[in-house]
Amino acid sequence: MGFVSLNRDIGTIVAKKYGRYATRLYGMRVADRAKALADARIKEKHHASYVFLTGGHAPQDTRVELSIPGRTGQDVALQTEVGFYNVRAGRHIPGKHILRDAIGG
């Protein structure tokens, strides 16, 4: 049995070496999957979902953002992604896990 040691910052090293195009290609794939999952999982058609592909804090970063405007105008993407506790109903509403599944699958 052998032992292989990998640098924990391998993703950053590759992105810096090959530039933003390496992360942008993967980001575009994640954004396409996220848009398809959001369209399938959000049944209420008055909740439109928007997926944005933007740059990150560093030049080599690509960020995929999910935005879902609620009835009152605030962004409810976080509550849709991870779930929330509905005080009025007295129960936990499970999340849709759109971005998690877009990245992993």
PDB file of N, CA and C in Angstrom:
ATOM      1  N   MET A   1       0.841  -1.159   0.000  1.00  0.00           N
ATOM      2  CA  MET A   1       0.000   0.000   0.000  1.00  0.00           C
ATOM      3  C   MET A   1       0.894   1.232   0.000  1.00  0.00           C
ATOM      4  N   GLY A   2       0.540   2.189  -0.808  1.00  0.00           N
ATOM      5  CA  GLY A   2       1.327   3.412  -0.904  1.00  0.00           C
ATOM      6  C   GLY A   2       0.616   4.594  -0.279  1.00  0.00           C
ATOM      7  N   PHE A   3       1.336   5.652  -0.104  1.00  0.00           N
ATOM      8  CA  PHE A   3       0.781   6.874   0.470  1.00  0.00           C
ATOM      9  C   PHE A   3       1.012   8.014  -0.504  1.00  0.00           C
ATOM     10  N   VAL A   4      -0.061   8.694  -0.861  1.00  0.00           N
ATOM     11  CA  VAL A   4       0.029   9.823  -1.788  1.00  0.00           C
ATOM     12  C   VAL A   4      -0.363  11.077  -1.029  1.00  0.00           C
ATOM     13  N   SER A   5       0.456  12.082  -1.105  1.00  0.00           N
ATOM     14  CA  SER A   5       0.182  13.350  -0.427  1.00  0.00           C
ATOM     15  C   SER A   5      -0.151  14.400  -1.482  1.00  0.00           C
ATOM     16  N   LEU A   6      -1.296  15.041  -1.316  1.00  0.00           N
ATOM     17  CA  LEU A   6      -1.716  16.100  -2.236  1.00  0.00           C
ATOM     18  C   LEU A   6      -1.724  17.430  -1.501  1.00  0.00           C
ATOM     19  N   ASN A   7      -1.374  18.456  -2.213  1.00  0.00           N
ATOM     20  CA  ASN A   7      -1.440  19.795  -1.654  1.00  0.00           C
ATOM     21  C   ASN A   7      -2.910  20.194  -1.507  1.00  0.00           C
ATOM     22  N   ARG A   8      -3.288  20.751  -0.371  1.00  0.00           N
ATOM     23  CA  ARG A   8      -4.682  21.117  -0.132  1.00  0.00           C
ATOM     24  C   ARG A   8      -5.120  22.279  -1.020  1.00  0.00           C
ATOM     25  N   ASP A   9      -4.187  23.059  -1.514  1.00  0.00           N
ATOM     26  CA  ASP A   9      -4.502  24.211  -2.358  1.00  0.00           C
ATOM     27  C   ASP A   9      -4.351  23.889  -3.841  1.00  0.00           C
ATOM     28  N   ILE A  10      -4.540  22.635  -4.205  1.00  0.00           N
ATOM     29  CA  ILE A  10      -4.317  22.215  -5.594  1.00  0.00           C
ATOM     30  C   ILE A  10      -5.267  22.928  -6.562  1.00  0.00           C
ATOM     31  N   GLY A  11      -6.507  23.175  -6.132  1.00  0.00           N
ATOM     32  CA  GLY A  11      -7.457  23.887  -6.996  1.00  0.00           C
ATOM     33  C   GLY A  11      -7.006  25.301  -7.295  1.00  0.00           C
ATOM     34  N   THR A  12      -6.502  25.995  -6.304  1.00  0.00           N
ATOM     35  CA  THR A  12      -6.006  27.360  -6.492  1.00  0.00           C
ATOM     36  C   THR A  12      -4.754  27.364  -7.358  1.00  0.00           C
ATOM     37  N   ILE A  13      -3.883  26.392  -7.161  1.00  0.00           N
ATOM     38  CA  ILE A  13      -2.657  26.316  -7.952  1.00  0.00           C
ATOM     39  C   ILE A  13      -2.977  26.099  -9.426  1.00  0.00           C
ATOM     40  N   VAL A  14      -3.899  25.204  -9.713  1.00  0.00           N
ATOM     41  CA  VAL A  14      -4.292  24.934 -11.105  1.00  0.00           C
ATOM     42  C   VAL A  14      -4.961  26.150 -11.716  1.00  0.00           C
ATOM     43  N   ALA A  15      -5.839  26.821 -10.943  1.00  0.00           N
ATOM     44  CA  ALA A  15      -6.532  28.002 -11.464  1.00  0.00           C
ATOM     45  C   ALA A  15      -5.549  29.125 -11.760  1.00  0.00           C
ATOM     46  N   LYS A  16      -4.548  29.303 -10.901  1.00  0.00           N
ATOM     47  CA  LYS A  16      -3.553  30.345 -11.149  1.00  0.00           C
ATOM     48  C   LYS A  16      -2.684  30.002 -12.344  1.00  0.00           C
ATOM     49  N   LYS A  17      -2.382  28.714 -12.519  1.00  0.00           N
ATOM     50  CA  LYS A  17      -1.513  28.303 -13.625  1.00  0.00           C
ATOM     51  C   LYS A  17      -2.206  28.434 -14.976  1.00  0.00           C
ATOM     52  N   TYR A  18      -3.486  28.008 -15.040  1.00  0.00           N
ATOM     53  CA  TYR A  18      -4.194  28.009 -16.316  1.00  0.00           C
ATOM     54  C   TYR A  18      -5.125  29.197 -16.491  1.00  0.00           C
ATOM     55  N   GLY A  19      -5.253  30.030 -15.475  1.00  0.00           N
ATOM     56  CA  GLY A  19      -6.047  31.246 -15.613  1.00  0.00           C
ATOM     57  C   GLY A  19      -7.533  31.011 -15.385  1.00  0.00           C
ATOM     58  N   ARG A  20      -8.297  32.082 -15.563  1.00  0.00           N
ATOM     59  CA  ARG A  20      -9.734  32.035 -15.283  1.00  0.00           C
ATOM     60  C   ARG A  20     -10.507  31.140 -16.247  1.00  0.00           C
ATOM     61  N   TYR A  21      -9.934  30.785 -17.380  1.00  0.00           N
ATOM     62  CA  TYR A  21     -10.666  29.958 -18.342  1.00  0.00           C
ATOM     63  C   TYR A  21     -10.877  28.540 -17.832  1.00  0.00           C
ATOM     64  N   ALA A  22      -9.957  28.056 -16.999  1.00  0.00           N
ATOM     65  CA  ALA A  22     -10.113  26.717 -16.431  1.00  0.00           C
ATOM     66  C   ALA A  22     -11.280  26.680 -15.458  1.00  0.00           C
ATOM     67  N   THR A  23     -11.430  27.707 -14.634  1.00  0.00           N
ATOM     68  CA  THR A  23     -12.543  27.724 -13.691  1.00  0.00           C
ATOM     69  C   THR A  23     -13.833  28.179 -14.354  1.00  0.00           C
ATOM     70  N   ARG A  24     -13.738  29.009 -15.374  1.00  0.00           N
ATOM     71  CA  ARG A  24     -14.947  29.516 -16.043  1.00  0.00           C
ATOM     72  C   ARG A  24     -15.689  28.393 -16.768  1.00  0.00           C
ATOM     73  N   LEU A  25     -14.971  27.467 -17.381  1.00  0.00           N
ATOM     74  CA  LEU A  25     -15.618  26.358 -18.080  1.00  0.00           C
ATOM     75  C   LEU A  25     -16.419  25.500 -17.109  1.00  0.00           C
ATOM     76  N   TYR A  26     -15.816  25.165 -15.967  1.00  0.00           N
ATOM     77  CA  TYR A  26     -16.528  24.387 -14.957  1.00  0.00           C
ATOM     78  C   TYR A  26     -17.673  25.202 -14.365  1.00  0.00           C
ATOM     79  N   GLY A  27     -17.465  26.487 -14.164  1.00  0.00           N
ATOM     80  CA  GLY A  27     -18.517  27.355 -13.649  1.00  0.00           C
ATOM     81  C   GLY A  27     -19.718  27.418 -14.585  1.00  0.00           C
ATOM     82  N   MET A  28     -19.473  27.428 -15.878  1.00  0.00           N
ATOM     83  CA  MET A  28     -20.577  27.446 -16.854  1.00  0.00           C
ATOM     84  C   MET A  28     -21.357  26.142 -16.782  1.00  0.00           C
ATOM     85  N   ARG A  29     -20.680  25.015 -16.594  1.00  0.00           N
ATOM     86  CA  ARG A  29     -21.384  23.735 -16.462  1.00  0.00           C
ATOM     87  C   ARG A  29     -22.231  23.702 -15.197  1.00  0.00           C
ATOM     88  N   VAL A  30     -21.674  24.200 -14.089  1.00  0.00           N
ATOM     89  CA  VAL A  30     -22.429  24.244 -12.837  1.00  0.00           C
ATOM     90  C   VAL A  30     -23.627  25.171 -12.970  1.00  0.00           C
ATOM     91  N   ALA A  31     -23.455  26.308 -13.627  1.00  0.00           N
ATOM     92  CA  ALA A  31     -24.562  27.253 -13.812  1.00  0.00           C
ATOM     93  C   ALA A  31     -25.678  26.641 -14.659  1.00  0.00           C
ATOM     94  N   ASP A  32     -25.322  25.909 -15.701  1.00  0.00           N
ATOM     95  CA  ASP A  32     -26.338  25.256 -16.535  1.00  0.00           C
ATOM     96  C   ASP A  32     -27.113  24.206 -15.747  1.00  0.00           C
ATOM     97  N   ARG A  33     -26.393  23.400 -14.954  1.00  0.00           N
ATOM     98  CA  ARG A  33     -27.072  22.396 -14.113  1.00  0.00           C
ATOM     99  C   ARG A  33     -27.948  23.053 -13.062  1.00  0.00           C
ATOM    100  N   ALA A  34     -27.451  24.142 -12.461  1.00  0.00           N
ATOM    101  CA  ALA A  34     -28.225  24.837 -11.427  1.00  0.00           C
ATOM    102  C   ALA A  34     -29.506  25.419 -12.008  1.00  0.00           C
ATOM    103  N   LYS A  35     -29.453  25.979 -13.189  1.00  0.00           N
ATOM    104  CA  LYS A  35     -30.655  26.539 -13.826  1.00  0.00           C
ATOM    105  C   LYS A  35     -31.664  25.434 -14.124  1.00  0.00           C
ATOM    106  N   ALA A  36     -31.194  24.294 -14.614  1.00  0.00           N
ATOM    107  CA  ALA A  36     -32.106  23.183 -14.906  1.00  0.00           C
ATOM    108  C   ALA A  36     -32.724  22.632 -13.620  1.00  0.00           C
ATOM    109  N   LEU A  37     -31.915  22.481 -12.558  1.00  0.00           N
ATOM    110  CA  LEU A  37     -32.452  21.989 -11.291  1.00  0.00           C
ATOM    111  C   LEU A  37     -33.427  22.974 -10.667  1.00  0.00           C
ATOM    112  N   ALA A  38     -33.127  24.270 -10.771  1.00  0.00           N
ATOM    113  CA  ALA A  38     -34.033  25.281 -10.208  1.00  0.00           C
ATOM    114  C   ALA A  38     -35.369  25.280 -10.939  1.00  0.00           C
ATOM    115  N   ASP A  39     -35.329  25.151 -12.246  1.00  0.00           N
ATOM    116  CA  ASP A  39     -36.584  25.099 -13.014  1.00  0.00           C
ATOM    117  C   ASP A  39     -37.403  23.867 -12.666  1.00  0.00           C
ATOM    118  N   ALA A  40     -36.733  22.755 -12.372  1.00  0.00           N
ATOM    119  CA  ALA A  40     -37.443  21.520 -12.058  1.00  0.00           C
ATOM    120  C   ALA A  40     -37.952  21.485 -10.619  1.00  0.00           C
ATOM    121  N   ARG A  41     -37.183  22.048  -9.684  1.00  0.00           N
ATOM    122  CA  ARG A  41     -37.528  21.904  -8.269  1.00  0.00           C
ATOM    123  C   ARG A  41     -38.395  23.021  -7.704  1.00  0.00           C
ATOM    124  N   ILE A  42     -38.392  24.177  -8.325  1.00  0.00           N
ATOM    125  CA  ILE A  42     -39.226  25.274  -7.837  1.00  0.00           C
ATOM    126  C   ILE A  42     -40.539  25.213  -8.600  1.00  0.00           C
ATOM    127  N   LYS A  43     -41.546  24.693  -7.938  1.00  0.00           N
ATOM    128  CA  LYS A  43     -42.828  24.450  -8.598  1.00  0.00           C
ATOM    129  C   LYS A  43     -43.659  25.721  -8.740  1.00  0.00           C
ATOM    130  N   GLU A  44     -43.501  26.666  -7.786  1.00  0.00           N
ATOM    131  CA  GLU A  44     -44.282  27.893  -7.855  1.00  0.00           C
ATOM    132  C   GLU A  44     -43.734  28.760  -8.975  1.00  0.00           C
ATOM    133  N   LYS A  45     -44.501  28.970  -9.994  1.00  0.00           N
ATOM    134  CA  LYS A  45     -44.010  29.692 -11.160  1.00  0.00           C
ATOM    135  C   LYS A  45     -43.875  31.192 -10.898  1.00  0.00           C
ATOM    136  N   HIS A  46     -44.487  31.701  -9.806  1.00  0.00           N
ATOM    137  CA  HIS A  46     -44.294  33.119  -9.505  1.00  0.00           C
ATOM    138  C   HIS A  46     -42.934  33.360  -8.838  1.00  0.00           C
ATOM    139  N   HIS A  47     -42.225  32.296  -8.457  1.00  0.00           N
ATOM    140  CA  HIS A  47     -40.861  32.410  -7.949  1.00  0.00           C
ATOM    141  C   HIS A  47     -39.918  32.100  -9.103  1.00  0.00           C
ATOM    142  N   ALA A  48     -39.457  33.132  -9.773  1.00  0.00           N
ATOM    143  CA  ALA A  48     -38.503  32.940 -10.861  1.00  0.00           C
ATOM    144  C   ALA A  48     -37.110  32.824 -10.269  1.00  0.00           C
ATOM    145  N   SER A  49     -36.287  31.970 -10.833  1.00  0.00           N
ATOM    146  CA  SER A  49     -34.922  31.814 -10.341  1.00  0.00           C
ATOM    147  C   SER A  49     -33.951  32.346 -11.389  1.00  0.00           C
ATOM    148  N   TYR A  50     -32.904  32.965 -10.892  1.00  0.00           N
ATOM    149  CA  TYR A  50     -31.872  33.525 -11.761  1.00  0.00           C
ATOM    150  C   TYR A  50     -30.525  32.967 -11.329  1.00  0.00           C
ATOM    151  N   VAL A  51     -29.740  32.519 -12.285  1.00  0.00           N
ATOM    152  CA  VAL A  51     -28.403  31.993 -12.011  1.00  0.00           C
ATOM    153  C   VAL A  51     -27.411  32.894 -12.729  1.00  0.00           C
ATOM    154  N   PHE A  52     -26.472  33.459 -11.965  1.00  0.00           N
ATOM    155  CA  PHE A  52     -25.481  34.370 -12.516  1.00  0.00           C
ATOM    156  C   PHE A  52     -24.105  33.742 -12.433  1.00  0.00           C
ATOM    157  N   LEU A  53     -23.289  33.989 -13.435  1.00  0.00           N
ATOM    158  CA  LEU A  53     -21.900  33.543 -13.464  1.00  0.00           C
ATOM    159  C   LEU A  53     -21.046  34.803 -13.413  1.00  0.00           C
ATOM    160  N   THR A  54     -20.331  35.016 -12.313  1.00  0.00           N
ATOM    161  CA  THR A  54     -19.549  36.233 -12.133  1.00  0.00           C
ATOM    162  C   THR A  54     -18.126  35.873 -11.734  1.00  0.00           C
ATOM    163  N   GLY A  55     -17.277  36.878 -11.717  1.00  0.00           N
ATOM    164  CA  GLY A  55     -15.923  36.691 -11.243  1.00  0.00           C
ATOM    165  C   GLY A  55     -15.885  36.700  -9.728  1.00  0.00           C
ATOM    166  N   GLY A  56     -14.865  36.116  -9.174  1.00  0.00           N
ATOM    167  CA  GLY A  56     -14.734  36.057  -7.724  1.00  0.00           C
ATOM    168  C   GLY A  56     -13.830  37.156  -7.206  1.00  0.00           C
ATOM    169  N   HIS A  57     -13.280  36.952  -6.022  1.00  0.00           N
ATOM    170  CA  HIS A  57     -12.407  37.950  -5.405  1.00  0.00           C
ATOM    171  C   HIS A  57     -11.043  37.996  -6.079  1.00  0.00           C
ATOM    172  N   ALA A  58     -10.583  36.871  -6.561  1.00  0.00           N
ATOM    173  CA  ALA A  58      -9.295  36.817  -7.248  1.00  0.00           C
ATOM    174  C   ALA A  58      -9.540  36.692  -8.751  1.00  0.00           C
ATOM    175  N   PRO A  59      -8.581  37.106  -9.564  1.00  0.00           N
ATOM    176  CA  PRO A  59      -8.796  37.056 -11.018  1.00  0.00           C
ATOM    177  C   PRO A  59      -9.080  35.663 -11.570  1.00  0.00           C
ATOM    178  N   GLN A  60      -8.597  34.602 -10.898  1.00  0.00           N
ATOM    179  CA  GLN A  60      -8.793  33.246 -11.405  1.00  0.00           C
ATOM    180  C   GLN A  60     -10.089  32.616 -10.922  1.00  0.00           C
ATOM    181  N   ASP A  61     -10.860  33.296 -10.087  1.00  0.00           N
ATOM    182  CA  ASP A  61     -12.077  32.720  -9.515  1.00  0.00           C
ATOM    183  C   ASP A  61     -13.291  32.945 -10.400  1.00  0.00           C
ATOM    184  N   THR A  62     -14.189  31.988 -10.382  1.00  0.00           N
ATOM    185  CA  THR A  62     -15.488  32.100 -11.032  1.00  0.00           C
ATOM    186  C   THR A  62     -16.535  31.741  -9.993  1.00  0.00           C
ATOM    187  N   ARG A  63     -17.569  32.556  -9.886  1.00  0.00           N
ATOM    188  CA  ARG A  63     -18.597  32.342  -8.870  1.00  0.00           C
ATOM    189  C   ARG A  63     -19.957  32.151  -9.548  1.00  0.00           C
ATOM    190  N   VAL A  64     -20.692  31.137  -9.095  1.00  0.00           N
ATOM    191  CA  VAL A  64     -22.055  30.887  -9.560  1.00  0.00           C
ATOM    192  C   VAL A  64     -22.996  31.337  -8.455  1.00  0.00           C
ATOM    193  N   GLU A  65     -23.892  32.265  -8.766  1.00  0.00           N
ATOM    194  CA  GLU A  65     -24.804  32.822  -7.769  1.00  0.00           C
ATOM    195  C   GLU A  65     -26.240  32.476  -8.151  1.00  0.00           C
ATOM    196  N   LEU A  66     -27.018  32.119  -7.143  1.00  0.00           N
ATOM    197  CA  LEU A  66     -28.438  31.822  -7.311  1.00  0.00           C
ATOM    198  C   LEU A  66     -29.227  32.942  -6.665  1.00  0.00           C
ATOM    199  N   SER A  67     -30.198  33.478  -7.369  1.00  0.00           N
ATOM    200  CA  SER A  67     -31.032  34.547  -6.843  1.00  0.00           C
ATOM    201  C   SER A  67     -32.494  34.187  -7.081  1.00  0.00           C
ATOM    202  N   ILE A  68     -33.283  34.220  -6.005  1.00  0.00           N
ATOM    203  CA  ILE A  68     -34.711  33.935  -6.104  1.00  0.00           C
ATOM    204  C   ILE A  68     -35.441  35.036  -5.352  1.00  0.00           C
ATOM    205  N   PRO A  69     -36.092  35.959  -6.052  1.00  0.00           N
ATOM    206  CA  PRO A  69     -36.825  37.015  -5.347  1.00  0.00           C
ATOM    207  C   PRO A  69     -38.110  36.469  -4.735  1.00  0.00           C
ATOM    208  N   GLY A  70     -38.362  36.843  -3.481  1.00  0.00           N
ATOM    209  CA  GLY A  70     -39.566  36.407  -2.783  1.00  0.00           C
ATOM    210  C   GLY A  70     -40.764  37.290  -3.112  1.00  0.00           C
ATOM    211  N   ARG A  71     -41.885  37.028  -2.444  1.00  0.00           N
ATOM    212  CA  ARG A  71     -43.098  37.799  -2.691  1.00  0.00           C
ATOM    213  C   ARG A  71     -42.949  39.273  -2.334  1.00  0.00           C
ATOM    214  N   THR A  72     -42.181  39.552  -1.285  1.00  0.00           N
ATOM    215  CA  THR A  72     -42.020  40.933  -0.852  1.00  0.00           C
ATOM    216  C   THR A  72     -40.805  41.612  -1.476  1.00  0.00           C
ATOM    217  N   GLY A  73     -40.082  40.925  -2.319  1.00  0.00           N
ATOM    218  CA  GLY A  73     -38.955  41.513  -3.030  1.00  0.00           C
ATOM    219  C   GLY A  73     -37.588  41.118  -2.516  1.00  0.00           C
ATOM    220  N   GLN A  74     -37.508  40.592  -1.286  1.00  0.00           N
ATOM    221  CA  GLN A  74     -36.190  40.192  -0.780  1.00  0.00           C
ATOM    222  C   GLN A  74     -35.757  38.879  -1.425  1.00  0.00           C
ATOM    223  N   ASP A  75     -34.454  38.634  -1.364  1.00  0.00           N
ATOM    224  CA  ASP A  75     -33.894  37.432  -1.972  1.00  0.00           C
ATOM    225  C   ASP A  75     -34.056  36.253  -1.008  1.00  0.00           C
ATOM    226  N   VAL A  76     -34.689  35.175  -1.463  1.00  0.00           N
ATOM    227  CA  VAL A  76     -34.936  34.001  -0.622  1.00  0.00           C
ATOM    228  C   VAL A  76     -34.148  32.781  -1.102  1.00  0.00           C
ATOM    229  N   ALA A  77     -33.026  33.021  -1.780  1.00  0.00           N
ATOM    230  CA  ALA A  77     -32.229  31.915  -2.315  1.00  0.00           C
ATOM    231  C   ALA A  77     -31.635  31.063  -1.195  1.00  0.00           C
ATOM    232  N   LEU A  78     -31.183  31.683  -0.111  1.00  0.00           N
ATOM    233  CA  LEU A  78     -30.595  30.918   0.986  1.00  0.00           C
ATOM    234  C   LEU A  78     -31.631  30.013   1.633  1.00  0.00           C
ATOM    235  N   GLN A  79     -32.827  30.529   1.887  1.00  0.00           N
ATOM    236  CA  GLN A  79     -33.882  29.716   2.491  1.00  0.00           C
ATOM    237  C   GLN A  79     -34.311  28.597   1.556  1.00  0.00           C
ATOM    238  N   THR A  80     -34.322  28.864   0.259  1.00  0.00           N
ATOM    239  CA  THR A  80     -34.684  27.829  -0.703  1.00  0.00           C
ATOM    240  C   THR A  80     -33.611  26.760  -0.777  1.00  0.00           C
ATOM    241  N   GLU A  81     -32.358  27.139  -0.668  1.00  0.00           N
ATOM    242  CA  GLU A  81     -31.251  26.188  -0.777  1.00  0.00           C
ATOM    243  C   GLU A  81     -31.152  25.280   0.447  1.00  0.00           C
ATOM    244  N   VAL A  82     -31.133  25.846   1.654  1.00  0.00           N
ATOM    245  CA  VAL A  82     -30.868  25.041   2.849  1.00  0.00           C
ATOM    246  C   VAL A  82     -32.104  24.762   3.692  1.00  0.00           C
ATOM    247  N   GLY A  83     -33.209  25.428   3.436  1.00  0.00           N
ATOM    248  CA  GLY A  83     -34.415  25.234   4.220  1.00  0.00           C
ATOM    249  C   GLY A  83     -34.536  26.265   5.328  1.00  0.00           C
ATOM    250  N   PHE A  84     -35.681  26.269   6.016  1.00  0.00           N
ATOM    251  CA  PHE A  84     -35.909  27.232   7.088  1.00  0.00           C
ATOM    252  C   PHE A  84     -37.018  26.725   7.997  1.00  0.00           C
ATOM    253  N   TYR A  85     -37.149  27.370   9.140  1.00  0.00           N
ATOM    254  CA  TYR A  85     -38.210  27.024  10.087  1.00  0.00           C
ATOM    255  C   TYR A  85     -39.347  28.008   9.909  1.00  0.00           C
ATOM    256  N   ASN A  86     -40.528  27.513   9.555  1.00  0.00           N
ATOM    257  CA  ASN A  86     -41.708  28.344   9.379  1.00  0.00           C
ATOM    258  C   ASN A  86     -42.399  28.474  10.731  1.00  0.00           C
ATOM    259  N   VAL A  87     -42.356  29.678  11.295  1.00  0.00           N
ATOM    260  CA  VAL A  87     -42.920  29.907  12.619  1.00  0.00           C
ATOM    261  C   VAL A  87     -44.441  29.765  12.585  1.00  0.00           C
ATOM    262  N   ARG A  88     -45.065  30.288  11.557  1.00  0.00           N
ATOM    263  CA  ARG A  88     -46.518  30.238  11.467  1.00  0.00           C
ATOM    264  C   ARG A  88     -47.036  28.802  11.364  1.00  0.00           C
ATOM    265  N   ALA A  89     -46.364  27.991  10.574  1.00  0.00           N
ATOM    266  CA  ALA A  89     -46.779  26.588  10.422  1.00  0.00           C
ATOM    267  C   ALA A  89     -46.241  25.711  11.552  1.00  0.00           C
ATOM    268  N   GLY A  90     -45.199  26.172  12.237  1.00  0.00           N
ATOM    269  CA  GLY A  90     -44.620  25.413  13.337  1.00  0.00           C
ATOM    270  C   GLY A  90     -43.827  24.196  12.902  1.00  0.00           C
ATOM    271  N   ARG A  91     -43.192  24.256  11.724  1.00  0.00           N
ATOM    272  CA  ARG A  91     -42.416  23.110  11.252  1.00  0.00           C
ATOM    273  C   ARG A  91     -41.259  23.577  10.379  1.00  0.00           C
ATOM    274  N   HIS A  92     -40.331  22.687  10.174  1.00  0.00           N
ATOM    275  CA  HIS A  92     -39.166  22.965   9.332  1.00  0.00           C
ATOM    276  C   HIS A  92     -39.510  22.668   7.877  1.00  0.00           C
ATOM    277  N   ILE A  93     -39.214  23.610   7.012  1.00  0.00           N
ATOM    278  CA  ILE A  93     -39.402  23.417   5.569  1.00  0.00           C
ATOM    279  C   ILE A  93     -38.051  22.997   4.990  1.00  0.00           C
ATOM    280  N   PRO A  94     -37.952  21.818   4.378  1.00  0.00           N
ATOM    281  CA  PRO A  94     -36.651  21.366   3.863  1.00  0.00           C
ATOM    282  C   PRO A  94     -36.205  22.178   2.646  1.00  0.00           C
ATOM    283  N   GLY A  95     -34.901  22.233   2.452  1.00  0.00           N
ATOM    284  CA  GLY A  95     -34.337  22.977   1.335  1.00  0.00           C
ATOM    285  C   GLY A  95     -34.363  22.183   0.036  1.00  0.00           C
ATOM    286  N   LYS A  96     -34.178  22.878  -1.054  1.00  0.00           N
ATOM    287  CA  LYS A  96     -34.168  22.250  -2.390  1.00  0.00           C
ATOM    288  C   LYS A  96     -32.784  21.799  -2.809  1.00  0.00           C
ATOM    289  N   HIS A  97     -31.726  22.313  -2.196  1.00  0.00           N
ATOM    290  CA  HIS A  97     -30.323  21.937  -2.454  1.00  0.00           C
ATOM    291  C   HIS A  97     -29.981  21.995  -3.930  1.00  0.00           C
ATOM    292  N   ILE A  98     -30.262  23.120  -4.536  1.00  0.00           N
ATOM    293  CA  ILE A  98     -30.034  23.294  -5.980  1.00  0.00           C
ATOM    294  C   ILE A  98     -28.550  23.417  -6.288  1.00  0.00           C
ATOM    295  N   LEU A  99     -27.859  24.335  -5.629  1.00  0.00           N
ATOM    296  CA  LEU A  99     -26.433  24.524  -5.911  1.00  0.00           C
ATOM    297  C   LEU A  99     -25.589  23.345  -5.461  1.00  0.00           C
ATOM    298  N   ARG A 100     -25.933  22.748  -4.325  1.00  0.00           N
ATOM    299  CA  ARG A 100     -25.184  21.582  -3.837  1.00  0.00           C
ATOM    300  C   ARG A 100     -25.226  20.447  -4.856  1.00  0.00           C
ATOM    301  N   ASP A 101     -26.401  20.183  -5.399  1.00  0.00           N
ATOM    302  CA  ASP A 101     -26.529  19.101  -6.374  1.00  0.00           C
ATOM    303  C   ASP A 101     -25.935  19.482  -7.731  1.00  0.00           C
ATOM    304  N   ALA A 102     -25.954  20.776  -8.076  1.00  0.00           N
ATOM    305  CA  ALA A 102     -25.358  21.207  -9.340  1.00  0.00           C
ATOM    306  C   ALA A 102     -23.842  21.043  -9.311  1.00  0.00           C
ATOM    307  N   ILE A 103     -23.248  21.276  -8.151  1.00  0.00           N
ATOM    308  CA  ILE A 103     -21.798  21.127  -8.026  1.00  0.00           C
ATOM    309  C   ILE A 103     -21.409  19.657  -7.963  1.00  0.00           C
ATOM    310  N   GLY A 104     -22.146  18.885  -7.196  1.00  0.00           N
ATOM    311  CA  GLY A 104     -21.786  17.481  -6.987  1.00  0.00           C
ATOM    312  C   GLY A 104     -22.223  16.541  -8.072  1.00  0.00           C
ATOM    313  N   GLY A 105     -23.195  16.909  -8.852  1.00  0.00           N
ATOM    314  CA  GLY A 105     -23.712  15.938  -9.808  1.00  0.00           C
ATOM    315  C   GLY A 105     -23.576  16.384 -11.169  1.00  0.00           C
TER     316      GLY A 105
END
